[in-house]
C-alpha atoms as a PDB file:
ATOM      1  CA  GLN A   1      -0.017   0.032   0.064  1.00  0.00           C
ATOM      2  CA  LEU A   2       2.848   2.448   0.876  1.00  0.00           C
ATOM      3  CA  LEU A   3       4.504   1.569  -2.418  1.00  0.00           C
ATOM      4  CA  ALA A   4       1.394   2.520  -4.301  1.00  0.00           C
ATOM      5  CA  VAL A   5       1.051   5.709  -2.462  1.00  0.00           C
ATOM      6  CA  GLY A   6       4.691   6.532  -3.394  1.00  0.00           C
ATOM      7  CA  ALA A   7       4.023   5.675  -7.042  1.00  0.00           C
ATOM      8  CA  GLY A   8       1.049   8.075  -7.086  1.00  0.00           C
ATOM      9  CA  LEU A   9       3.061  11.004  -5.371  1.00  0.00           C
ATOM     10  CA  LEU A  10       6.258  10.347  -7.333  1.00  0.00           C
ATOM     11  CA  PRO A  11       5.304   8.717 -10.695  1.00  0.00           C
ATOM     12  CA  ASN A  12       8.956   9.258 -12.155  1.00  0.00           C
ATOM     13  CA  LEU A  13      10.513   7.122  -9.558  1.00  0.00           C
ATOM     14  CA  PRO A  14      12.891   4.341 -11.118  1.00  0.00           C
ATOM     15  CA  SER A  15      11.214   0.893 -11.379  1.00  0.00           C
ATOM     16  CA  GLU A  16      14.047  -0.894  -9.626  1.00  0.00           C
ATOM     17  CA  PRO A  17      14.456   0.350  -5.822  1.00  0.00           C
ATOM     18  CA  LYS A  18      17.840   1.563  -4.724  1.00  0.00           C
ATOM     19  CA  PRO A  19      20.007  -0.686  -2.708  1.00  0.00           C
ATOM     20  CA  PRO A  20      19.803  -0.400   1.086  1.00  0.00           C
ATOM     21  CA  PRO A  21      22.377   2.083   2.698  1.00  0.00           C
ATOM     22  CA  ARG A  22      25.719   0.893   3.734  1.00  0.00           C
ATOM     23  CA  ARG A  23      26.962   3.870   5.603  1.00  0.00           C
ATOM     24  CA  ILE A  24      25.575   6.263   8.147  1.00  0.00           C
ATOM     25  CA  ILE A  25      27.151   9.507   9.103  1.00  0.00           C
ATOM     26  CA  MET A  26      25.958  11.067  12.271  1.00  0.00           C
ATOM     27  CA  ALA A  27      26.203  14.925  12.233  1.00  0.00           C
ATOM     28  CA  GLY A  28      27.587  15.709  15.782  1.00  0.00           C
ATOM     29  CA  ASP A  29      27.152  19.514  15.287  1.00  0.00           C
ATOM     30  CA  ALA A  30      23.568  18.957  14.377  1.00  0.00           C
ATOM     31  CA  PHE A  31      23.043  16.870  17.654  1.00  0.00           C
ATOM     32  CA  ASP A  32      24.737  19.669  19.625  1.00  0.00           C
ATOM     33  CA  ARG A  33      21.624  21.867  18.513  1.00  0.00           C
ATOM     34  CA  PHE A  34      19.582  19.477  20.675  1.00  0.00           C
ATOM     35  CA  ALA A  35      20.283  21.729  23.698  1.00  0.00           C
ATOM     36  CA  THR A  36      18.068  20.514  26.486  1.00  0.00           C
ATOM     37  CA  ASN A  37      19.566  21.096  29.890  1.00  0.00           C
ATOM     38  CA  ASP A  38      18.669  17.589  30.886  1.00  0.00           C
ATOM     39  CA  ALA A  39      21.695  15.286  30.327  1.00  0.00           C
ATOM     40  CA  GLY A  40      19.564  12.169  30.576  1.00  0.00           C
ATOM     41  CA  VAL A  41      17.340  13.310  27.703  1.00  0.00           C
ATOM     42  CA  LYS A  42      20.342  14.119  25.513  1.00  0.00           C
ATOM     43  CA  GLU A  43      21.733  10.734  26.300  1.00  0.00           C
ATOM     44  CA  ALA A  44      18.602   9.016  25.565  1.00  0.00           C
ATOM     45  CA  LEU A  45      18.406  10.712  22.259  1.00  0.00           C
ATOM     46  CA  ARG A  46      22.048   9.789  21.397  1.00  0.00           C
ATOM     47  CA  VAL A  47      21.744   6.276  22.434  1.00  0.00           C
ATOM     48  CA  ARG A  48      18.460   5.773  20.298  1.00  0.00           C
ATOM     49  CA  ALA A  49      19.826   7.627  17.273  1.00  0.00           C
ATOM     50  CA  LEU A  50      22.854   5.215  17.328  1.00  0.00           C
ATOM     51  CA  SER A  51      20.379   2.329  17.463  1.00  0.00           C
ATOM     52  CA  VAL A  52      18.588   3.804  14.396  1.00  0.00           C
ATOM     53  CA  ALA A  53      21.947   4.236  12.673  1.00  0.00           C
ATOM     54  CA  ASP A  54      23.038   0.795  13.367  1.00  0.00           C
ATOM     55  CA  VAL A  55      19.716  -0.579  11.935  1.00  0.00           C
ATOM     56  CA  ALA A  56      19.674   1.503   8.835  1.00  0.00           C
ATOM     57  CA  ALA A  57      23.263   0.628   8.134  1.00  0.00           C
ATOM     58  CA  ASP A  58      22.720  -3.089   8.441  1.00  0.00           C
ATOM     59  CA  GLY A  59      26.106  -4.166   9.154  1.00  0.00           C
ATOM     60  CA  GLY A  60      27.817  -1.017   7.348  1.00  0.00           C
ATOM     61  CA  ALA A  61      29.813   1.895   8.723  1.00  0.00           C
ATOM     62  CA  VAL A  62      28.298   4.438  11.297  1.00  0.00           C
ATOM     63  CA  GLU A  63      30.761   7.441  11.634  1.00  0.00           C
ATOM     64  CA  THR A  64      30.398  10.874  13.293  1.00  0.00           C
ATOM     65  CA  ILE A  65      31.258  13.910  11.295  1.00  0.00           C
ATOM     66  CA  CYS A  66      31.055  17.777  11.908  1.00  0.00           C
ATOM     67  CA  LEU A  67      28.669  18.640   8.991  1.00  0.00           C
ATOM     68  CA  GLY A  68      28.884  22.249   9.107  1.00  0.00           C
ATOM     69  CA  GLN A  69      32.845  22.184   9.002  1.00  0.00           C
ATOM     70  CA  ASP A  70      32.849  19.751   6.124  1.00  0.00           C
ATOM     71  CA  LEU A  71      30.228  21.940   4.083  1.00  0.00           C
ATOM     72  CA  LEU A  72      32.569  24.797   4.645  1.00  0.00           C
ATOM     73  CA  THR A  73      35.526  23.018   3.300  1.00  0.00           C
ATOM     74  CA  ALA A  74      33.511  21.384   0.232  1.00  0.00           C
ATOM     75  CA  ALA A  75      31.493  24.537  -0.559  1.00  0.00           C
ATOM     76  CA  PRO A  76      33.836  27.745  -0.097  1.00  0.00           C
ATOM     77  CA  SER A  77      31.082  29.912  -1.065  1.00  0.00           C
ATOM     78  CA  LEU A  78      29.224  29.300   2.190  1.00  0.00           C
ATOM     79  CA  ALA A  79      32.154  30.509   4.076  1.00  0.00           C
ATOM     80  CA  GLU A  80      32.520  33.456   1.930  1.00  0.00           C
ATOM     81  CA  PHE A  81      28.817  34.286   2.428  1.00  0.00           C
ATOM     82  CA  ALA A  82      29.135  33.947   6.196  1.00  0.00           C
ATOM     83  CA  SER A  83      32.047  36.250   6.173  1.00  0.00           C
ATOM     84  CA  ALA A  84      30.596  38.769   3.913  1.00  0.00           C
ATOM     85  CA  TYR A  85      27.452  39.013   5.649  1.00  0.00           C
ATOM     86  CA  ARG A  86      28.519  38.425   9.235  1.00  0.00           C
ATOM     87  CA  THR A  87      26.667  35.243  10.155  1.00  0.00           C
ATOM     88  CA  SER A  88      26.897  35.616  13.890  1.00  0.00           C
ATOM     89  CA  PRO A  89      30.219  33.920  14.177  1.00  0.00           C
ATOM     90  CA  LYS A  90      31.173  32.050  17.304  1.00  0.00           C
ATOM     91  CA  CYS A  91      34.605  33.334  18.438  1.00  0.00           C
ATOM     92  CA  ASP A  92      36.933  33.828  21.431  1.00  0.00           C
ATOM     93  CA  ASN A  93      39.054  36.896  22.044  1.00  0.00           C
ATOM     94  CA  THR A  94      41.632  35.884  19.285  1.00  0.00           C
ATOM     95  CA  VAL A  95      40.019  33.599  16.660  1.00  0.00           C
ATOM     96  CA  ARG A  96      36.817  34.321  14.526  1.00  0.00           C
ATOM     97  CA  GLN A  97      35.350  30.990  13.627  1.00  0.00           C
ATOM     98  CA  ILE A  98      32.363  30.380  11.325  1.00  0.00           C
ATOM     99  CA  ASP A  99      29.810  27.985  12.264  1.00  0.00           C
ATOM    100  CA  GLY A 100      28.786  26.061   9.173  1.00  0.00           C
ATOM    101  CA  LEU A 101      25.235  25.177  10.158  1.00  0.00           C
ATOM    102  CA  GLU A 102      24.618  28.696  11.336  1.00  0.00           C
ATOM    103  CA  ALA A 103      25.857  29.850   7.957  1.00  0.00           C
ATOM    104  CA  LEU A 104      23.660  27.476   6.129  1.00  0.00           C
ATOM    105  CA  GLY A 105      20.539  28.505   8.152  1.00  0.00           C
ATOM    106  CA  GLU A 106      21.302  32.107   7.201  1.00  0.00           C
ATOM    107  CA  THR A 107      21.490  31.410   3.457  1.00  0.00           C
ATOM    108  CA  MET A 108      17.988  29.857   3.828  1.00  0.00           C
ATOM    109  CA  ARG A 109      16.616  32.614   5.795  1.00  0.00           C
ATOM    110  CA  SER A 110      17.887  35.232   3.167  1.00  0.00           C
ATOM    111  CA  GLU A 111      16.051  33.459   0.382  1.00  0.00           C
ATOM    112  CA  GLN A 112      12.860  32.784   2.271  1.00  0.00           C
ATOM    113  CA  ARG A 113      12.713  36.269   3.434  1.00  0.00           C
ATOM    114  CA  LEU A 114      12.402  37.541  -0.178  1.00  0.00           C
ATOM    115  CA  GLU A 115      10.184  34.611  -1.148  1.00  0.00           C
ATOM    116  CA  PHE A 116       7.824  35.131   1.660  1.00  0.00           C
ATOM    117  CA  TRP A 117       7.334  38.934   0.920  1.00  0.00           C
ATOM    118  CA  GLY A 118       6.862  38.257  -2.640  1.00  0.00           C
ATOM    119  CA  VAL A 119       4.000  35.690  -1.914  1.00  0.00           C
ATOM    120  CA  LEU A 120       2.447  37.350   1.148  1.00  0.00           C
ATOM    121  CA  GLY A 121       3.629  40.757   1.278  1.00  0.00           C
ATOM    122  CA  GLU A 122       0.587  42.419  -0.612  1.00  0.00           C
ATOM    123  CA  TRP A 123      -1.997  40.284   1.504  1.00  0.00           C
ATOM    124  CA  SER A 124      -0.097  41.530   4.611  1.00  0.00           C
ATOM    125  CA  GLU A 125      -0.287  45.214   3.478  1.00  0.00           C
ATOM    126  CA  THR A 126      -3.746  45.274   2.410  1.00  0.00           C
ATOM    127  CA  CYS A 127      -5.509  42.886   4.697  1.00  0.00           C
ATOM    128  CA  ASN A 128      -3.968  44.074   7.739  1.00  0.00           C
ATOM    129  CA  PRO A 129      -4.019  40.835   9.773  1.00  0.00           C
ATOM    130  CA  GLN A 130      -4.232  40.780  13.666  1.00  0.00           C
ATOM    131  CA  LEU A 131      -0.954  39.179  14.495  1.00  0.00           C
ATOM    132  CA  THR A 132       1.070  38.475  17.620  1.00  0.00           C
ATOM    133  CA  ALA A 133       3.798  40.975  18.449  1.00  0.00           C
ATOM    134  CA  ALA A 134       6.447  38.171  17.800  1.00  0.00           C
ATOM    135  CA  VAL A 135       4.923  37.388  14.326  1.00  0.00           C
ATOM    136  CA  GLU A 136       4.448  41.001  13.455  1.00  0.00           C
ATOM    137  CA  ALA A 137       8.181  41.548  14.173  1.00  0.00           C
ATOM    138  CA  ARG A 138       9.024  39.020  11.664  1.00  0.00           C
ATOM    139  CA  ILE A 139       6.485  40.424   9.136  1.00  0.00           C
ATOM    140  CA  ALA A 140       8.367  43.646   9.415  1.00  0.00           C
ATOM    141  CA  TRP A 141      11.654  42.160   8.919  1.00  0.00           C
ATOM    142  CA  ALA A 142      10.255  40.360   5.757  1.00  0.00           C
ATOM    143  CA  ARG A 143       9.064  43.689   4.596  1.00  0.00           C
ATOM    144  CA  GLY A 144      12.822  44.904   4.337  1.00  0.00           C
ATOM    145  CA  SER A 145      13.422  41.970   1.829  1.00  0.00           C
ATOM    146  CA  VAL A 146      12.975  44.397  -1.183  1.00  0.00           C
ATOM    147  CA  ASP A 147      15.843  46.683  -0.017  1.00  0.00           C
ATOM    148  CA  ALA A 148      18.712  46.532  -2.407  1.00  0.00           C
ATOM    149  CA  ASP A 149      21.116  44.922   0.096  1.00  0.00           C
ATOM    150  CA  ALA A 150      18.621  42.344   1.061  1.00  0.00           C
ATOM    151  CA  VAL A 151      18.048  41.430  -2.471  1.00  0.00           C
ATOM    152  CA  ALA A 152      21.700  41.201  -3.142  1.00  0.00           C
ATOM    153  CA  LYS A 153      22.124  39.130  -0.090  1.00  0.00           C
ATOM    154  CA  ALA A 154      19.375  36.613  -1.309  1.00  0.00           C
ATOM    155  CA  ASN A 155      20.812  36.395  -4.638  1.00  0.00           C
ATOM    156  CA  ALA A 156      24.161  35.635  -3.088  1.00  0.00           C
ATOM    157  CA  ALA A 157      22.554  32.835  -1.044  1.00  0.00           C
ATOM    158  CA  THR A 158      20.993  31.378  -4.202  1.00  0.00           C
ATOM    159  CA  VAL A 159      24.552  30.870  -5.582  1.00  0.00           C
ATOM    160  CA  VAL A 160      25.645  29.275  -2.368  1.00  0.00           C
ATOM    161  CA  ARG A 161      22.767  26.941  -2.421  1.00  0.00           C
ATOM    162  CA  ALA A 162      23.801  25.332  -5.643  1.00  0.00           C
ATOM    163  CA  GLU A 163      27.276  24.701  -4.512  1.00  0.00           C
ATOM    164  CA  VAL A 164      26.107  23.360  -1.026  1.00  0.00           C
ATOM    165  CA  GLN A 165      23.705  21.047  -2.954  1.00  0.00           C
ATOM    166  CA  SER A 166      26.465  19.593  -5.119  1.00  0.00           C
ATOM    167  CA  ALA A 167      28.888  19.228  -2.134  1.00  0.00           C
ATOM    168  CA  PHE A 168      26.232  17.556   0.088  1.00  0.00           C
ATOM    169  CA  LYS A 169      25.079  15.100  -2.496  1.00  0.00           C
ATOM    170  CA  LYS A 170      28.721  14.115  -2.912  1.00  0.00           C
ATOM    171  CA  MET A 171      28.839  13.311   0.732  1.00  0.00           C
ATOM    172  CA  LEU A 172      25.988  10.839   0.397  1.00  0.00           C
ATOM    173  CA  GLN A 173      27.427   8.860  -2.456  1.00  0.00           C
ATOM    174  CA  GLY A 174      27.745   5.228  -2.050  1.00  0.00           C
ATOM    175  CA  GLY A 175      24.572   4.445  -0.309  1.00  0.00           C
ATOM    176  CA  THR A 176      25.311   7.025   2.664  1.00  0.00           C
ATOM    177  CA  LEU A 177      22.564   8.606   4.849  1.00  0.00           C
ATOM    178  CA  LEU A 178      22.873  11.450   7.201  1.00  0.00           C
ATOM    179  CA  CYS A 179      21.369  11.233  10.853  1.00  0.00           C
ATOM    180  CA  ILE A 180      20.349  14.355  12.774  1.00  0.00           C
ATOM    181  CA  PRO A 181      17.928  15.185  15.392  1.00  0.00           C
ATOM    182  CA  SER A 182      14.501  16.093  14.149  1.00  0.00           C
ATOM    183  CA  THR A 183      14.015  18.893  16.631  1.00  0.00           C
ATOM    184  CA  ALA A 184      16.076  21.273  18.593  1.00  0.00           C
ATOM    185  CA  ASP A 185      14.739  20.250  21.974  1.00  0.00           C
ATOM    186  CA  PRO A 186      12.337  17.651  23.404  1.00  0.00           C
ATOM    187  CA  PRO A 187       8.845  18.422  22.249  1.00  0.00           C
ATOM    188  CA  LEU A 188       7.230  21.532  24.245  1.00  0.00           C
ATOM    189  CA  LEU A 189       4.616  20.513  26.738  1.00  0.00           C
ATOM    190  CA  PRO A 190       1.023  22.028  25.777  1.00  0.00           C
ATOM    191  CA  GLY A 191       0.873  25.675  26.062  1.00  0.00           C
ATOM    192  CA  GLY A 192       4.752  25.985  25.892  1.00  0.00           C
ATOM    193  CA  ALA A 193       6.175  28.543  23.882  1.00  0.00           C
ATOM    194  CA  ALA A 194       9.416  28.447  21.724  1.00  0.00           C
ATOM    195  CA  ASP A 195      12.089  31.237  22.353  1.00  0.00           C
ATOM    196  CA  SER A 196      14.273  32.758  19.725  1.00  0.00           C
ATOM    197  CA  ASP A 197      17.211  30.677  20.673  1.00  0.00           C
ATOM    198  CA  TYR A 198      15.040  27.352  20.029  1.00  0.00           C
ATOM    199  CA  ARG A 199      13.852  28.944  16.793  1.00  0.00           C
ATOM    200  CA  GLN A 200      17.181  29.545  15.515  1.00  0.00           C
ATOM    201  CA  ARG A 201      18.474  25.956  16.266  1.00  0.00           C
ATOM    202  CA  ALA A 202      15.420  24.485  14.754  1.00  0.00           C
ATOM    203  CA  PHE A 203      15.930  26.510  11.697  1.00  0.00           C
ATOM    204  CA  GLU A 204      19.586  25.522  11.336  1.00  0.00           C
ATOM    205  CA  LEU A 205      18.431  21.777  11.504  1.00  0.00           C
ATOM    206  CA  ALA A 206      15.695  22.379   8.908  1.00  0.00           C
ATOM    207  CA  SER A 207      18.121  24.299   6.689  1.00  0.00           C
ATOM    208  CA  ILE A 208      20.102  20.961   5.948  1.00  0.00           C
ATOM    209  CA  ALA A 209      17.348  19.405   3.972  1.00  0.00           C
ATOM    210  CA  GLY A 210      15.707  22.687   3.031  1.00  0.00           C
ATOM    211  CA  THR A 211      18.948  24.093   1.400  1.00  0.00           C
ATOM    212  CA  THR A 212      20.095  20.778  -0.113  1.00  0.00           C
ATOM    213  CA  GLY A 213      16.725  19.716  -1.480  1.00  0.00           C
ATOM    214  CA  CYS A 214      17.241  16.295  -0.254  1.00  0.00           C
ATOM    215  CA  PRO A 215      14.505  14.158   1.327  1.00  0.00           C
ATOM    216  CA  GLN A 216      14.259  13.727   5.032  1.00  0.00           C
ATOM    217  CA  LEU A 217      12.552  10.806   6.791  1.00  0.00           C
ATOM    218  CA  VAL A 218      11.420  11.412  10.465  1.00  0.00           C
ATOM    219  CA  VAL A 219      11.987   8.093  12.658  1.00  0.00           C
ATOM    220  CA  PRO A 220      10.227   7.933  16.009  1.00  0.00           C
ATOM    221  CA  VAL A 221      12.561   6.721  18.595  1.00  0.00           C
ATOM    222  CA  GLY A 222      10.187   6.496  21.638  1.00  0.00           C
ATOM    223  CA  LEU A 223       9.083   8.935  24.419  1.00  0.00           C
ATOM    224  CA  CYS A 224      11.084  11.570  26.008  1.00  0.00           C
ATOM    225  CA  PRO A 225      11.833  10.354  29.697  1.00  0.00           C
ATOM    226  CA  VAL A 226      10.981  14.014  31.097  1.00  0.00           C
ATOM    227  CA  THR A 227       7.943  15.221  29.151  1.00  0.00           C
ATOM    228  CA  GLY A 228       6.595  11.787  27.903  1.00  0.00           C
ATOM    229  CA  LEU A 229       6.114  13.216  24.556  1.00  0.00           C
ATOM    230  CA  PRO A 230       7.652  11.682  21.390  1.00  0.00           C
ATOM    231  CA  LEU A 231      11.324  11.861  20.375  1.00  0.00           C
ATOM    232  CA  SER A 232      12.511  11.335  16.956  1.00  0.00           C
ATOM    233  CA  VAL A 233      15.734  11.424  14.677  1.00  0.00           C
ATOM    234  CA  SER A 234      15.855  12.076  10.865  1.00  0.00           C
ATOM    235  CA  LEU A 235      17.667  10.354   8.198  1.00  0.00           C
ATOM    236  CA  ILE A 236      18.536  12.358   5.116  1.00  0.00           C
ATOM    237  CA  GLY A 237      19.553  10.825   1.735  1.00  0.00           C
ATOM    238  CA  LYS A 238      19.445  11.705  -1.892  1.00  0.00           C
END
């Protein structure tokens, strides 16, 4: 039944299925985005992610990488973009270091800002919707996407995306899948609100599949030992 659904949604799929994956790479810097203060929850996710990776690899290799750094190396335009547009670098008193996943998230934000205003800007201006203060602030930010500097940044991000896509797909050659956390924290309890730090970390995780254009499969891994709500990891392939 699932194969029939897939054939209906993706009619141009090859008739012969791809061979199963033989290598799983765990993005250590992506798991660092899972920033809960409860060490038990972080360890539970790590152990369950490794279990998913072992099953998916089916006897193949399971490795840990720093995805952001690997992308900065393989796609030099990503580092150039981050440097040119000062993508909130993490640094100490002497060394300025670019965070690759943060830079990746910023490229996607730059393109989405322009796309959002192009699609919904007229509606926002003419219908005057009643929005929360937090959403209104983001609408105001999107309104500035038509400025010359913002358009130039979005155009630069489009160039970066093309190089990142090529580099990322080379990483996934030979039956390789990437494993990352699906969310930036355990699920919020009913009525909980996400703060700006959570939204940024979540956006950086979402930018991996969002920027590369690769499919992302969410795999449930049980319940959070603190909230009792579901936890999951994601597998990204090509």
